[in-house]
Protein backbone atom coordinates (compact mmCIF):
# COMPACT_ATOMS: atom_id res chain seq x y z
CA MET A 1 185.37 -2.49 121.11
CA ILE A 2 182.23 -0.32 122.28
CA LYS A 3 182.43 3.36 120.92
CA GLU A 4 179.17 4.82 122.05
CA ILE A 5 175.66 4.20 122.71
CA ALA A 6 173.65 4.29 119.26
CA PHE A 7 170.17 3.96 120.83
CA THR A 8 167.92 2.99 123.50
CA ALA A 9 164.40 1.75 122.86
CA TYR A 10 161.24 1.88 125.06
CA PRO A 11 158.28 -0.38 124.38
CA ALA A 12 155.05 1.02 123.50
CA ALA A 13 151.53 -0.69 122.65
CA ASP A 14 150.87 2.62 120.73
CA VAL A 15 154.04 4.26 119.41
CA SER A 16 152.22 7.45 118.10
CA LYS A 17 150.75 8.35 121.44
CA LEU A 18 153.84 7.41 123.46
CA ARG A 19 155.91 9.61 121.09
CA ASP A 20 153.44 12.37 121.37
CA PHE A 21 153.75 12.18 125.22
CA TYR A 22 157.52 12.74 125.14
CA ARG A 23 157.32 15.42 122.75
CA ASP A 24 154.74 17.53 124.33
CA THR A 25 155.81 16.69 128.00
CA LEU A 26 159.67 16.63 127.57
CA GLY A 27 160.16 18.64 124.30
CA LEU A 28 161.79 15.77 122.55
CA GLU A 29 162.04 16.27 118.70
CA PHE A 30 161.24 12.87 117.00
CA THR A 31 162.74 12.83 113.50
CA GLY A 32 163.00 8.96 112.63
CA PRO A 33 159.51 7.75 112.07
CA TYR A 34 159.12 4.23 110.50
CA GLU A 35 155.63 2.98 109.50
CA GLN A 36 154.65 -0.48 108.40
CA ASP A 37 151.07 -1.20 106.95
CA GLY A 38 150.09 2.30 107.85
CA VAL A 39 151.13 1.98 111.57
CA LEU A 40 153.79 3.70 113.17
CA LYS A 41 156.24 1.09 114.55
CA TYR A 42 159.36 3.39 115.65
CA ASP A 43 160.30 6.78 116.01
CA GLU A 44 163.58 8.26 117.47
CA ALA A 45 164.72 11.61 119.03
CA SER A 46 168.15 12.70 118.75
CA ILE A 47 169.95 13.29 122.18
CA GLY A 48 173.56 14.00 122.08
CA ASN A 49 175.35 11.41 120.06
CA GLY A 50 172.65 8.76 120.50
CA TYR A 51 168.99 8.43 120.13
CA PHE A 52 166.04 7.85 122.43
CA SER A 53 163.75 5.54 120.31
CA ILE A 54 160.09 4.41 120.98
CA MET A 55 159.34 0.95 119.34
CA THR A 56 156.35 -1.17 119.11
CA THR A 57 156.29 -3.97 121.75
CA GLU A 58 156.24 -6.46 118.71
CA TRP A 59 159.71 -5.37 118.01
CA THR A 60 161.19 -4.86 121.45
CA GLU A 61 159.69 -8.18 122.44
CA THR A 62 158.83 -6.72 125.97
CA GLU A 63 155.70 -5.43 127.49
CA PRO A 64 154.88 -1.54 128.10
CA GLY A 65 155.83 -0.68 131.58
CA THR A 66 159.05 -2.94 131.53
CA ALA A 67 161.48 -0.25 130.64
CA ALA A 68 163.37 1.65 133.54
CA SER A 69 166.83 2.58 132.10
CA ILE A 70 166.69 6.12 130.63
CA VAL A 71 168.06 8.99 132.46
CA PHE A 72 167.71 12.27 130.91
CA GLU A 73 170.05 15.03 131.93
CA VAL A 74 168.18 18.53 132.58
CA ASP A 75 169.60 22.00 133.67
CA ASP A 76 167.20 22.45 136.47
CA VAL A 77 165.83 19.24 138.14
CA THR A 78 163.52 21.23 140.59
CA LYS A 79 161.95 23.48 137.68
CA THR A 80 161.42 20.56 135.53
CA LYS A 81 159.73 18.45 138.20
CA ASN A 82 157.53 21.32 139.05
CA GLU A 83 156.57 21.66 135.30
CA LEU A 84 155.71 18.04 135.06
CA THR A 85 153.59 18.10 138.38
CA SER A 86 151.72 21.33 136.84
CA LYS A 87 150.87 18.98 133.88
CA GLY A 88 149.50 16.41 136.07
CA ILE A 89 152.23 13.95 135.97
CA GLU A 90 152.79 12.17 139.45
CA THR A 91 156.62 12.25 140.35
CA GLN A 92 158.71 10.86 142.93
CA ASP A 93 160.64 13.14 145.40
CA ILE A 94 163.83 14.65 144.33
CA TYR A 95 166.79 12.52 145.44
CA GLU A 96 169.97 14.34 146.28
CA THR A 97 173.55 12.71 146.17
CA PRO A 98 176.78 14.53 146.73
CA VAL A 99 177.17 14.98 142.76
CA CYS A 100 173.62 15.18 141.49
CA LYS A 101 169.79 15.44 141.90
CA LEU A 102 167.30 13.19 140.40
CA PHE A 103 163.63 12.07 140.39
CA SER A 104 161.66 9.52 138.40
CA PHE A 105 158.02 9.24 136.91
CA LYS A 106 156.36 6.75 134.82
CA ASP A 107 155.15 7.40 131.11
CA PRO A 108 151.71 6.67 129.96
CA GLU A 109 152.62 3.04 129.29
CA GLY A 110 154.25 2.48 132.63
CA ASN A 111 157.96 2.76 131.66
CA LYS A 112 160.06 4.46 134.21
CA VAL A 113 161.76 7.72 133.22
CA THR A 114 164.45 9.48 135.39
CA LEU A 115 165.57 13.12 135.25
CA HIS A 116 169.07 14.00 136.37
CA GLN A 117 170.99 17.10 137.01
CA ILE A 118 174.77 17.08 137.68
CA THR A 119 175.46 19.32 140.56
CA VAL A 120 179.19 18.60 140.79
CA PRO A 121 180.91 17.89 137.47
CA HIS A 122 182.95 14.65 137.52
C-alpha cells in the first residue's frame, strides 16, 4: 500500500526565514518554492527519495514549535554538533545507542530537529 515517504512538512510563521535557517545552518538546498499573493507559503528540499518541506502554519494547521519528527542522517554527528554550537545553536548532548549516535536542537520557530549517525549498519 505505502511505497515511500513523499514529504514531511514543518510549520513556520515565516517560511522564508525558516527556509534560510535550514539552508544556512544545515546546507539544505530548497528548490520548490510556492508563493501566494507575494508571500512564500511553501518550499522543499530534496533528501534521498523524499522531501523536507517548510509550510506556512495556515496550511499545516499547526503552530510553530509543534513539529518534532524529522531525523536527518549525517556522516559525523560529533563534528556536526560542534559546527552548530560554533554558530550559536544550543544543542542537547549526544546520545549513543548500540547502533547510532544522535542529538537534537530547536529551529528558530521552536520545532525539534534531530541529527543521527548510524554506527552499526542494520
